[in-house]
Amino acid sequence: MNLVAVERAVELLASGAIIGIPTDTVYGLGVDPSNRLAIDRLYMLKGRPVDKPIGLLAHVPEALDGWATLPDWAAEMMERYWPGPLTLVCQSGPLVPAGIGDPVRQTVGVRVPNHDVALALLEMTGPLAVTSANPSGQPECHSHESAHGLLGEAIEGYLKGRAVIGLASTVIDVTGPEPVVLRPGPVAP
């Protein structure tokens, strides 16, 4: 298994690699969101339908400036649940490239995870496109070992760690006048 330190993961991501990343919810796969080839590889590796959007993780809400447009009224949810297992679907910002978010609705899911390893990486890289480390339709992985068991050497590097919660995040759409729960999860707002 190609276990890597955070510093090496940063280098690999900059070169277009897919990196395994532990988060608070599930173990994930991350790529540089500005690298279209990396995004395409991520979709192919997962067998993910191209109409199923990939979201962004950041280390602080301010890092999402230019990537996402969050309404003022969502600030209370961010303060209460970030870092944590809440994904907010909001209007895409001008930095969001093709392959990230929903191009039809012009939205993107964003989250600040509550996991030290993920936060250290995101602080060094800025926002990353991250999805669960499993083939589409299969159960999520919760550790670097289980992700490696499914994906092997198709991933250039794995950050050591495991998910704290073990459940996918709650997803709430904040594009309208009121929040709409799209996927129930660990947060019950």
N, C-alpha and C. Protein backbone atom coordinates (compact mmCIF):
# COMPACT_ATOMS: atom_id res chain seq x y z
N MET A 1 0.84 -1.18 0.00
CA MET A 1 0.00 0.00 0.00
C MET A 1 0.89 1.24 0.00
N ASN A 2 0.52 2.23 -0.77
CA ASN A 2 1.29 3.45 -0.87
C ASN A 2 0.77 4.48 0.13
N LEU A 3 1.15 4.32 1.41
CA LEU A 3 0.80 5.31 2.42
C LEU A 3 1.69 6.53 2.24
N VAL A 4 1.09 7.71 2.31
CA VAL A 4 1.85 8.94 2.11
C VAL A 4 1.57 9.91 3.26
N ALA A 5 2.55 10.78 3.51
CA ALA A 5 2.37 11.86 4.47
C ALA A 5 1.63 13.00 3.78
N VAL A 6 1.11 13.92 4.56
CA VAL A 6 0.35 15.04 4.02
C VAL A 6 1.16 15.83 2.99
N GLU A 7 2.42 16.08 3.27
CA GLU A 7 3.26 16.86 2.35
C GLU A 7 3.39 16.17 1.00
N ARG A 8 3.57 14.86 1.01
CA ARG A 8 3.67 14.10 -0.24
C ARG A 8 2.33 14.08 -0.96
N ALA A 9 1.23 13.99 -0.22
CA ALA A 9 -0.10 14.02 -0.83
C ALA A 9 -0.32 15.33 -1.58
N VAL A 10 0.16 16.43 -1.02
CA VAL A 10 0.03 17.74 -1.67
C VAL A 10 0.75 17.71 -3.02
N GLU A 11 1.97 17.16 -3.05
CA GLU A 11 2.73 17.06 -4.30
C GLU A 11 2.01 16.19 -5.32
N LEU A 12 1.50 15.05 -4.86
CA LEU A 12 0.81 14.13 -5.77
C LEU A 12 -0.46 14.76 -6.34
N LEU A 13 -1.23 15.44 -5.50
CA LEU A 13 -2.44 16.10 -5.97
C LEU A 13 -2.10 17.15 -7.04
N ALA A 14 -1.02 17.89 -6.84
CA ALA A 14 -0.62 18.91 -7.80
C ALA A 14 -0.23 18.29 -9.14
N SER A 15 0.16 17.01 -9.13
CA SER A 15 0.55 16.34 -10.37
C SER A 15 -0.62 15.60 -11.04
N GLY A 16 -1.83 15.73 -10.45
CA GLY A 16 -3.00 15.09 -11.04
C GLY A 16 -3.39 13.76 -10.43
N ALA A 17 -2.81 13.41 -9.31
CA ALA A 17 -3.08 12.13 -8.66
C ALA A 17 -4.43 12.12 -7.94
N ILE A 18 -4.92 10.91 -7.69
CA ILE A 18 -6.06 10.68 -6.81
C ILE A 18 -5.49 10.23 -5.47
N ILE A 19 -5.94 10.85 -4.40
CA ILE A 19 -5.42 10.56 -3.06
C ILE A 19 -6.55 10.10 -2.15
N GLY A 20 -6.30 9.05 -1.38
CA GLY A 20 -7.24 8.61 -0.36
C GLY A 20 -7.12 9.50 0.86
N ILE A 21 -8.27 9.96 1.38
CA ILE A 21 -8.29 10.94 2.46
C ILE A 21 -9.28 10.51 3.55
N PRO A 22 -8.81 10.37 4.78
CA PRO A 22 -9.77 10.08 5.86
C PRO A 22 -10.55 11.35 6.18
N THR A 23 -11.85 11.20 6.44
CA THR A 23 -12.66 12.34 6.88
C THR A 23 -13.45 11.90 8.10
N ASP A 24 -14.23 12.81 8.63
CA ASP A 24 -15.06 12.48 9.78
C ASP A 24 -16.21 11.54 9.41
N THR A 25 -16.67 11.60 8.16
CA THR A 25 -17.84 10.81 7.76
C THR A 25 -17.44 9.45 7.20
N VAL A 26 -16.81 9.42 6.04
CA VAL A 26 -16.33 8.19 5.41
C VAL A 26 -14.93 8.46 4.85
N TYR A 27 -14.23 7.40 4.47
CA TYR A 27 -12.93 7.57 3.84
C TYR A 27 -13.20 8.04 2.41
N GLY A 28 -12.44 9.03 1.94
CA GLY A 28 -12.72 9.63 0.65
C GLY A 28 -11.59 9.54 -0.35
N LEU A 29 -11.91 9.96 -1.56
CA LEU A 29 -10.93 10.10 -2.64
C LEU A 29 -10.95 11.55 -3.07
N GLY A 30 -9.77 12.16 -3.15
CA GLY A 30 -9.71 13.56 -3.50
C GLY A 30 -8.81 13.84 -4.68
N VAL A 31 -9.18 14.88 -5.44
CA VAL A 31 -8.37 15.36 -6.56
C VAL A 31 -8.38 16.88 -6.56
N ASP A 32 -7.44 17.44 -7.29
CA ASP A 32 -7.40 18.88 -7.52
C ASP A 32 -8.60 19.24 -8.40
N PRO A 33 -9.51 20.08 -7.92
CA PRO A 33 -10.72 20.38 -8.70
C PRO A 33 -10.45 21.15 -9.98
N SER A 34 -9.28 21.73 -10.12
CA SER A 34 -8.97 22.48 -11.34
C SER A 34 -8.30 21.60 -12.40
N ASN A 35 -8.09 20.32 -12.08
CA ASN A 35 -7.43 19.41 -13.01
C ASN A 35 -8.49 18.49 -13.64
N ARG A 36 -8.90 18.82 -14.85
CA ARG A 36 -9.98 18.07 -15.51
C ARG A 36 -9.62 16.60 -15.72
N LEU A 37 -8.37 16.30 -16.04
CA LEU A 37 -7.97 14.90 -16.23
C LEU A 37 -8.12 14.11 -14.93
N ALA A 38 -7.75 14.74 -13.81
CA ALA A 38 -7.89 14.07 -12.51
C ALA A 38 -9.36 13.82 -12.19
N ILE A 39 -10.21 14.80 -12.48
CA ILE A 39 -11.65 14.64 -12.25
C ILE A 39 -12.19 13.49 -13.10
N ASP A 40 -11.81 13.47 -14.38
CA ASP A 40 -12.26 12.39 -15.27
C ASP A 40 -11.80 11.03 -14.77
N ARG A 41 -10.55 10.93 -14.31
CA ARG A 41 -10.03 9.67 -13.77
C ARG A 41 -10.82 9.23 -12.55
N LEU A 42 -11.20 10.19 -11.70
CA LEU A 42 -11.96 9.88 -10.50
C LEU A 42 -13.32 9.30 -10.87
N TYR A 43 -14.00 9.92 -11.83
CA TYR A 43 -15.29 9.38 -12.29
C TYR A 43 -15.12 7.96 -12.86
N MET A 44 -14.08 7.75 -13.66
CA MET A 44 -13.87 6.43 -14.26
C MET A 44 -13.55 5.39 -13.20
N LEU A 45 -12.67 5.73 -12.27
CA LEU A 45 -12.28 4.80 -11.21
C LEU A 45 -13.49 4.33 -10.41
N LYS A 46 -14.37 5.26 -10.09
CA LYS A 46 -15.55 4.91 -9.29
C LYS A 46 -16.66 4.30 -10.12
N GLY A 47 -16.60 4.46 -11.45
CA GLY A 47 -17.73 4.05 -12.28
C GLY A 47 -18.93 4.93 -11.96
N ARG A 48 -18.65 6.18 -11.68
CA ARG A 48 -19.68 7.13 -11.24
C ARG A 48 -20.35 7.76 -12.45
N PRO A 49 -21.68 7.80 -12.46
CA PRO A 49 -22.36 8.47 -13.57
C PRO A 49 -21.95 9.95 -13.62
N VAL A 50 -21.74 10.45 -14.82
CA VAL A 50 -21.26 11.83 -14.96
C VAL A 50 -22.30 12.85 -14.52
N ASP A 51 -23.56 12.44 -14.39
CA ASP A 51 -24.58 13.37 -13.93
C ASP A 51 -24.73 13.36 -12.40
N LYS A 52 -23.84 12.63 -11.70
CA LYS A 52 -23.86 12.62 -10.24
C LYS A 52 -22.71 13.51 -9.76
N PRO A 53 -23.02 14.71 -9.26
CA PRO A 53 -21.99 15.70 -8.95
C PRO A 53 -21.02 15.27 -7.86
N ILE A 54 -19.82 15.81 -7.96
CA ILE A 54 -18.80 15.68 -6.92
C ILE A 54 -18.71 17.03 -6.23
N GLY A 55 -18.59 17.01 -4.91
CA GLY A 55 -18.53 18.25 -4.14
C GLY A 55 -17.12 18.63 -3.75
N LEU A 56 -17.04 19.66 -2.93
CA LEU A 56 -15.76 20.22 -2.49
C LEU A 56 -15.65 20.18 -0.97
N LEU A 57 -14.44 19.89 -0.50
CA LEU A 57 -14.12 20.02 0.91
C LEU A 57 -13.11 21.15 1.07
N ALA A 58 -13.22 21.89 2.17
CA ALA A 58 -12.28 22.97 2.47
C ALA A 58 -11.96 22.92 3.96
N HIS A 59 -10.88 23.60 4.34
CA HIS A 59 -10.48 23.57 5.76
C HIS A 59 -11.20 24.65 6.58
N VAL A 60 -11.66 25.71 5.94
CA VAL A 60 -12.45 26.77 6.59
C VAL A 60 -13.45 27.30 5.56
N PRO A 61 -14.57 27.85 6.00
CA PRO A 61 -15.54 28.38 5.05
C PRO A 61 -14.97 29.45 4.11
N GLU A 62 -14.07 30.27 4.62
CA GLU A 62 -13.49 31.35 3.81
C GLU A 62 -12.72 30.82 2.60
N ALA A 63 -12.22 29.59 2.69
CA ALA A 63 -11.48 28.99 1.57
C ALA A 63 -12.39 28.70 0.39
N LEU A 64 -13.69 28.73 0.61
CA LEU A 64 -14.66 28.46 -0.45
C LEU A 64 -15.01 29.69 -1.27
N ASP A 65 -14.47 30.86 -0.90
CA ASP A 65 -14.73 32.09 -1.66
C ASP A 65 -14.32 31.87 -3.11
N GLY A 66 -15.21 32.20 -4.02
CA GLY A 66 -14.97 32.00 -5.44
C GLY A 66 -15.42 30.63 -5.93
N TRP A 67 -15.54 29.69 -5.03
CA TRP A 67 -15.98 28.33 -5.37
C TRP A 67 -17.47 28.15 -5.13
N ALA A 68 -17.98 28.81 -4.11
CA ALA A 68 -19.37 28.62 -3.70
C ALA A 68 -19.95 29.95 -3.22
N THR A 69 -21.24 30.11 -3.46
CA THR A 69 -21.96 31.29 -2.99
C THR A 69 -23.00 30.83 -1.99
N LEU A 70 -22.67 31.02 -0.73
CA LEU A 70 -23.55 30.58 0.35
C LEU A 70 -24.41 31.76 0.81
N PRO A 71 -25.71 31.53 0.97
CA PRO A 71 -26.57 32.63 1.42
C PRO A 71 -26.26 33.01 2.86
N ASP A 72 -26.50 34.26 3.18
CA ASP A 72 -26.24 34.75 4.54
C ASP A 72 -26.96 33.92 5.59
N TRP A 73 -28.20 33.49 5.27
CA TRP A 73 -28.96 32.76 6.27
C TRP A 73 -28.39 31.38 6.58
N ALA A 74 -27.46 30.87 5.77
CA ALA A 74 -26.83 29.57 6.04
C ALA A 74 -25.69 29.69 7.05
N ALA A 75 -25.31 30.91 7.40
CA ALA A 75 -24.19 31.11 8.32
C ALA A 75 -24.40 30.41 9.66
N GLU A 76 -25.64 30.40 10.14
CA GLU A 76 -25.92 29.75 11.42
C GLU A 76 -25.63 28.25 11.36
N MET A 77 -26.00 27.61 10.25
CA MET A 77 -25.72 26.18 10.09
C MET A 77 -24.22 25.93 10.01
N MET A 78 -23.50 26.78 9.28
CA MET A 78 -22.06 26.61 9.16
C MET A 78 -21.39 26.77 10.52
N GLU A 79 -21.81 27.77 11.28
CA GLU A 79 -21.22 27.99 12.61
C GLU A 79 -21.51 26.82 13.54
N ARG A 80 -22.71 26.27 13.43
CA ARG A 80 -23.11 25.20 14.33
C ARG A 80 -22.51 23.84 13.96
N TYR A 81 -22.43 23.54 12.65
CA TYR A 81 -22.08 22.19 12.21
C TYR A 81 -20.74 22.05 11.50
N TRP A 82 -20.04 23.15 11.25
CA TRP A 82 -18.72 23.06 10.60
C TRP A 82 -17.66 23.41 11.59
N PRO A 83 -16.56 22.70 11.67
CA PRO A 83 -16.35 21.48 10.89
C PRO A 83 -17.27 20.37 11.37
N GLY A 84 -17.71 19.56 10.39
CA GLY A 84 -18.59 18.46 10.74
C GLY A 84 -19.29 17.85 9.55
N PRO A 85 -20.23 16.94 9.83
CA PRO A 85 -20.84 16.10 8.79
C PRO A 85 -22.04 16.72 8.08
N LEU A 86 -21.92 18.00 7.70
CA LEU A 86 -22.99 18.68 6.98
C LEU A 86 -22.47 19.22 5.65
N THR A 87 -23.10 18.76 4.55
CA THR A 87 -22.80 19.28 3.22
C THR A 87 -23.91 20.24 2.84
N LEU A 88 -23.50 21.43 2.38
CA LEU A 88 -24.46 22.42 1.93
C LEU A 88 -24.38 22.54 0.42
N VAL A 89 -25.50 22.38 -0.25
CA VAL A 89 -25.58 22.55 -1.70
C VAL A 89 -25.97 24.01 -1.94
N CYS A 90 -25.08 24.72 -2.63
CA CYS A 90 -25.29 26.15 -2.85
C CYS A 90 -24.97 26.49 -4.30
N GLN A 91 -25.12 27.76 -4.66
CA GLN A 91 -24.79 28.20 -6.02
C GLN A 91 -23.28 28.09 -6.23
N SER A 92 -22.90 27.59 -7.40
CA SER A 92 -21.49 27.49 -7.77
C SER A 92 -20.89 28.88 -7.94
N GLY A 93 -19.63 29.00 -7.57
CA GLY A 93 -18.89 30.23 -7.81
C GLY A 93 -18.16 30.14 -9.14
N PRO A 94 -17.52 31.21 -9.57
CA PRO A 94 -16.84 31.24 -10.86
C PRO A 94 -15.64 30.29 -10.96
N LEU A 95 -15.10 29.81 -9.84
CA LEU A 95 -13.94 28.91 -9.88
C LEU A 95 -14.32 27.45 -10.14
N VAL A 96 -15.60 27.11 -10.03
CA VAL A 96 -16.03 25.72 -10.17
C VAL A 96 -15.94 25.31 -11.64
N PRO A 97 -15.08 24.31 -11.94
CA PRO A 97 -14.93 23.86 -13.32
C PRO A 97 -15.94 22.78 -13.68
N ALA A 98 -15.98 22.43 -14.96
CA ALA A 98 -16.82 21.32 -15.41
C ALA A 98 -16.41 20.06 -14.66
N GLY A 99 -17.39 19.22 -14.33
CA GLY A 99 -17.11 17.97 -13.63
C GLY A 99 -17.30 18.08 -12.14
N ILE A 100 -17.41 19.29 -11.63
CA ILE A 100 -17.64 19.50 -10.20
C ILE A 100 -19.01 20.13 -10.06
N GLY A 101 -19.77 19.65 -9.09
CA GLY A 101 -21.09 20.20 -8.88
C GLY A 101 -22.07 19.81 -9.98
N ASP A 102 -23.21 20.46 -9.97
CA ASP A 102 -24.28 20.19 -10.92
C ASP A 102 -24.30 21.31 -11.97
N PRO A 103 -23.89 21.01 -13.21
CA PRO A 103 -23.81 22.06 -14.23
C PRO A 103 -25.18 22.59 -14.66
N VAL A 104 -26.21 21.77 -14.54
CA VAL A 104 -27.55 22.20 -14.95
C VAL A 104 -28.10 23.22 -13.96
N ARG A 105 -28.03 22.88 -12.69
CA ARG A 105 -28.54 23.79 -11.64
C ARG A 105 -27.52 24.84 -11.26
N GLN A 106 -26.26 24.65 -11.69
CA GLN A 106 -25.14 25.53 -11.32
C GLN A 106 -24.99 25.59 -9.80
N THR A 107 -24.94 24.39 -9.22
CA THR A 107 -24.77 24.26 -7.77
C THR A 107 -23.57 23.38 -7.47
N VAL A 108 -23.12 23.46 -6.23
CA VAL A 108 -22.02 22.61 -5.76
C VAL A 108 -22.24 22.32 -4.28
N GLY A 109 -21.93 21.09 -3.87
CA GLY A 109 -21.97 20.72 -2.47
C GLY A 109 -20.64 21.05 -1.82
N VAL A 110 -20.68 21.68 -0.65
CA VAL A 110 -19.45 22.07 0.04
C VAL A 110 -19.53 21.65 1.51
N ARG A 111 -18.34 21.38 2.06
CA ARG A 111 -18.29 20.91 3.46
C ARG A 111 -16.92 21.19 4.04
N VAL A 112 -16.89 21.40 5.34
CA VAL A 112 -15.65 21.49 6.11
C VAL A 112 -15.66 20.29 7.04
N PRO A 113 -14.79 19.29 6.77
CA PRO A 113 -14.79 18.07 7.59
C PRO A 113 -14.16 18.28 8.96
N ASN A 114 -14.53 17.44 9.90
CA ASN A 114 -13.96 17.50 11.24
C ASN A 114 -13.00 16.33 11.43
N HIS A 115 -11.86 16.40 10.74
CA HIS A 115 -10.85 15.35 10.82
C HIS A 115 -9.48 16.02 10.66
N ASP A 116 -8.60 15.81 11.63
CA ASP A 116 -7.31 16.51 11.65
C ASP A 116 -6.48 16.29 10.39
N VAL A 117 -6.43 15.05 9.89
CA VAL A 117 -5.63 14.75 8.70
C VAL A 117 -6.21 15.47 7.48
N ALA A 118 -7.52 15.38 7.30
CA ALA A 118 -8.16 16.05 6.17
C ALA A 118 -7.96 17.56 6.25
N LEU A 119 -8.13 18.13 7.44
CA LEU A 119 -7.98 19.58 7.59
C LEU A 119 -6.55 20.03 7.32
N ALA A 120 -5.56 19.24 7.75
CA ALA A 120 -4.15 19.59 7.49
C ALA A 120 -3.88 19.60 5.99
N LEU A 121 -4.40 18.60 5.28
CA LEU A 121 -4.23 18.54 3.83
C LEU A 121 -4.93 19.72 3.16
N LEU A 122 -6.19 19.96 3.50
CA LEU A 122 -6.96 21.03 2.87
C LEU A 122 -6.38 22.41 3.14
N GLU A 123 -5.77 22.58 4.29
CA GLU A 123 -5.13 23.86 4.59
C GLU A 123 -3.97 24.12 3.63
N MET A 124 -3.29 23.05 3.22
CA MET A 124 -2.15 23.19 2.31
C MET A 124 -2.56 23.26 0.85
N THR A 125 -3.67 22.64 0.48
CA THR A 125 -4.06 22.56 -0.93
C THR A 125 -5.14 23.55 -1.34
N GLY A 126 -5.93 24.00 -0.38
CA GLY A 126 -7.16 24.70 -0.73
C GLY A 126 -8.23 23.66 -0.99
N PRO A 127 -9.41 24.09 -1.45
CA PRO A 127 -10.50 23.13 -1.66
C PRO A 127 -10.12 21.99 -2.60
N LEU A 128 -10.61 20.80 -2.26
CA LEU A 128 -10.41 19.62 -3.09
C LEU A 128 -11.76 19.02 -3.47
N ALA A 129 -11.82 18.42 -4.65
CA ALA A 129 -12.98 17.65 -5.06
C ALA A 129 -12.86 16.29 -4.39
N VAL A 130 -13.86 15.94 -3.57
CA VAL A 130 -13.77 14.71 -2.77
C VAL A 130 -15.09 13.95 -2.85
N THR A 131 -14.98 12.64 -3.00
CA THR A 131 -16.12 11.74 -2.98
C THR A 131 -15.72 10.50 -2.19
N SER A 132 -16.66 9.66 -1.86
CA SER A 132 -16.36 8.47 -1.07
C SER A 132 -15.47 7.50 -1.84
N ALA A 133 -14.65 6.77 -1.09
CA ALA A 133 -13.67 5.83 -1.67
C ALA A 133 -14.30 4.46 -1.88
N ASN A 134 -15.15 4.38 -2.88
CA ASN A 134 -15.80 3.11 -3.20
C ASN A 134 -16.33 3.18 -4.63
N PRO A 135 -16.41 2.05 -5.29
CA PRO A 135 -17.10 2.06 -6.58
C PRO A 135 -18.55 2.49 -6.38
N SER A 136 -19.09 3.26 -7.32
CA SER A 136 -20.47 3.75 -7.20
C SER A 136 -21.42 2.59 -6.95
N GLY A 137 -22.32 2.80 -5.98
CA GLY A 137 -23.32 1.80 -5.66
C GLY A 137 -22.88 0.79 -4.61
N GLN A 138 -21.61 0.81 -4.23
CA GLN A 138 -21.12 -0.12 -3.21
C GLN A 138 -20.98 0.60 -1.87
N PRO A 139 -20.92 -0.14 -0.77
CA PRO A 139 -20.79 0.50 0.55
C PRO A 139 -19.52 1.34 0.65
N GLU A 140 -19.61 2.42 1.44
CA GLU A 140 -18.46 3.29 1.65
C GLU A 140 -17.39 2.60 2.47
N CYS A 141 -16.17 3.05 2.28
CA CYS A 141 -15.04 2.58 3.08
C CYS A 141 -14.88 3.50 4.29
N HIS A 142 -14.30 2.96 5.35
CA HIS A 142 -14.12 3.75 6.56
C HIS A 142 -12.67 3.91 6.98
N SER A 143 -11.74 3.33 6.21
CA SER A 143 -10.32 3.43 6.57
C SER A 143 -9.46 3.29 5.32
N HIS A 144 -8.19 3.65 5.48
CA HIS A 144 -7.26 3.48 4.35
C HIS A 144 -7.12 2.00 3.99
N GLU A 145 -7.22 1.11 4.99
CA GLU A 145 -7.10 -0.32 4.69
C GLU A 145 -8.27 -0.81 3.84
N SER A 146 -9.49 -0.42 4.21
CA SER A 146 -10.64 -0.90 3.44
C SER A 146 -10.67 -0.25 2.05
N ALA A 147 -10.25 1.01 1.93
CA ALA A 147 -10.19 1.66 0.62
C ALA A 147 -9.15 0.96 -0.26
N HIS A 148 -8.00 0.64 0.31
CA HIS A 148 -6.97 -0.06 -0.46
C HIS A 148 -7.46 -1.44 -0.88
N GLY A 149 -8.22 -2.10 0.01
CA GLY A 149 -8.77 -3.41 -0.33
C GLY A 149 -9.68 -3.36 -1.55
N LEU A 150 -10.39 -2.26 -1.73
CA LEU A 150 -11.29 -2.11 -2.88
C LEU A 150 -10.58 -1.55 -4.12
N LEU A 151 -9.68 -0.59 -3.91
CA LEU A 151 -9.14 0.18 -5.03
C LEU A 151 -7.67 -0.10 -5.34
N GLY A 152 -6.98 -0.71 -4.40
CA GLY A 152 -5.59 -1.11 -4.62
C GLY A 152 -4.69 0.01 -5.09
N GLU A 153 -3.84 -0.32 -6.05
CA GLU A 153 -2.83 0.62 -6.53
C GLU A 153 -3.36 1.59 -7.58
N ALA A 154 -4.67 1.57 -7.84
CA ALA A 154 -5.26 2.57 -8.75
C ALA A 154 -5.20 3.97 -8.13
N ILE A 155 -4.98 4.01 -6.82
CA ILE A 155 -4.84 5.27 -6.10
C ILE A 155 -3.35 5.51 -5.87
N GLU A 156 -2.89 6.72 -6.20
CA GLU A 156 -1.46 7.02 -6.10
C GLU A 156 -0.96 7.12 -4.67
N GLY A 157 -1.85 7.42 -3.73
CA GLY A 157 -1.43 7.53 -2.35
C GLY A 157 -2.61 7.51 -1.40
N TYR A 158 -2.39 6.93 -0.24
CA TYR A 158 -3.41 6.87 0.80
C TYR A 158 -2.88 7.57 2.05
N LEU A 159 -3.67 8.50 2.57
CA LEU A 159 -3.36 9.08 3.87
C LEU A 159 -3.90 8.12 4.92
N LYS A 160 -3.08 7.82 5.90
CA LYS A 160 -3.46 6.88 6.94
C LYS A 160 -4.57 7.48 7.80
N GLY A 161 -5.58 6.66 8.10
CA GLY A 161 -6.63 7.14 9.00
C GLY A 161 -7.94 6.45 8.73
N ARG A 162 -8.89 6.78 9.58
CA ARG A 162 -10.21 6.18 9.45
C ARG A 162 -11.27 7.23 9.73
N ALA A 163 -12.47 6.96 9.23
CA ALA A 163 -13.60 7.84 9.45
C ALA A 163 -14.01 7.77 10.92
N VAL A 164 -14.39 8.90 11.45
CA VAL A 164 -14.80 8.98 12.85
C VAL A 164 -16.26 8.55 13.02
N ILE A 165 -17.14 9.03 12.13
CA ILE A 165 -18.58 8.78 12.25
C ILE A 165 -19.00 7.52 11.53
N GLY A 166 -18.51 7.33 10.31
CA GLY A 166 -18.85 6.15 9.54
C GLY A 166 -20.16 6.24 8.78
N LEU A 167 -20.73 7.43 8.68
CA LEU A 167 -21.95 7.68 7.90
C LEU A 167 -21.71 8.84 6.97
N ALA A 168 -22.28 8.77 5.77
CA ALA A 168 -22.18 9.89 4.83
C ALA A 168 -22.83 11.13 5.45
N SER A 169 -22.36 12.29 5.05
CA SER A 169 -22.84 13.54 5.62
C SER A 169 -24.31 13.81 5.29
N THR A 170 -24.93 14.59 6.12
CA THR A 170 -26.26 15.14 5.84
C THR A 170 -26.07 16.15 4.70
N VAL A 171 -26.97 16.15 3.72
CA VAL A 171 -26.89 17.09 2.61
C VAL A 171 -28.12 17.98 2.63
N ILE A 172 -27.89 19.29 2.67
CA ILE A 172 -28.98 20.26 2.70
C ILE A 172 -28.80 21.26 1.57
N ASP A 173 -29.84 21.45 0.79
CA ASP A 173 -29.86 22.43 -0.30
C ASP A 173 -30.21 23.79 0.30
N VAL A 174 -29.31 24.77 0.10
CA VAL A 174 -29.55 26.13 0.61
C VAL A 174 -29.69 27.13 -0.54
N THR A 175 -30.11 26.64 -1.71
CA THR A 175 -30.24 27.53 -2.86
C THR A 175 -31.57 28.28 -2.88
N GLY A 176 -32.54 27.82 -2.12
CA GLY A 176 -33.84 28.49 -2.08
C GLY A 176 -33.97 29.35 -0.84
N PRO A 177 -35.19 29.78 -0.54
CA PRO A 177 -35.40 30.64 0.62
C PRO A 177 -35.33 29.90 1.96
N GLU A 178 -35.47 28.56 1.91
CA GLU A 178 -35.41 27.75 3.13
C GLU A 178 -34.60 26.49 2.87
N PRO A 179 -33.97 25.91 3.91
CA PRO A 179 -33.19 24.69 3.72
C PRO A 179 -34.07 23.50 3.35
N VAL A 180 -33.55 22.65 2.45
CA VAL A 180 -34.24 21.44 2.04
C VAL A 180 -33.26 20.27 2.23
N VAL A 181 -33.64 19.28 3.04
CA VAL A 181 -32.78 18.12 3.28
C VAL A 181 -32.84 17.22 2.04
N LEU A 182 -31.67 17.01 1.42
CA LEU A 182 -31.58 16.13 0.24
C LEU A 182 -31.17 14.72 0.64
N ARG A 183 -30.36 14.62 1.71
CA ARG A 183 -29.94 13.30 2.20
C ARG A 183 -29.84 13.38 3.72
N PRO A 184 -30.64 12.61 4.43
CA PRO A 184 -30.50 12.58 5.89
C PRO A 184 -29.14 11.98 6.26
N GLY A 185 -28.67 12.34 7.42
CA GLY A 185 -27.38 11.83 7.89
C GLY A 185 -27.19 12.14 9.35
N PRO A 186 -25.94 12.28 9.78
CA PRO A 186 -25.63 12.46 11.20
C PRO A 186 -26.13 13.76 11.81
N VAL A 187 -26.35 14.80 10.98
CA VAL A 187 -26.84 16.09 11.47
C VAL A 187 -28.34 16.15 11.25
N ALA A 188 -29.06 16.54 12.29
CA ALA A 188 -30.51 16.72 12.18
C ALA A 188 -30.83 18.18 12.51
N PRO A 189 -30.74 19.07 11.52
CA PRO A 189 -30.94 20.49 11.80
C PRO A 189 -32.39 20.83 12.14
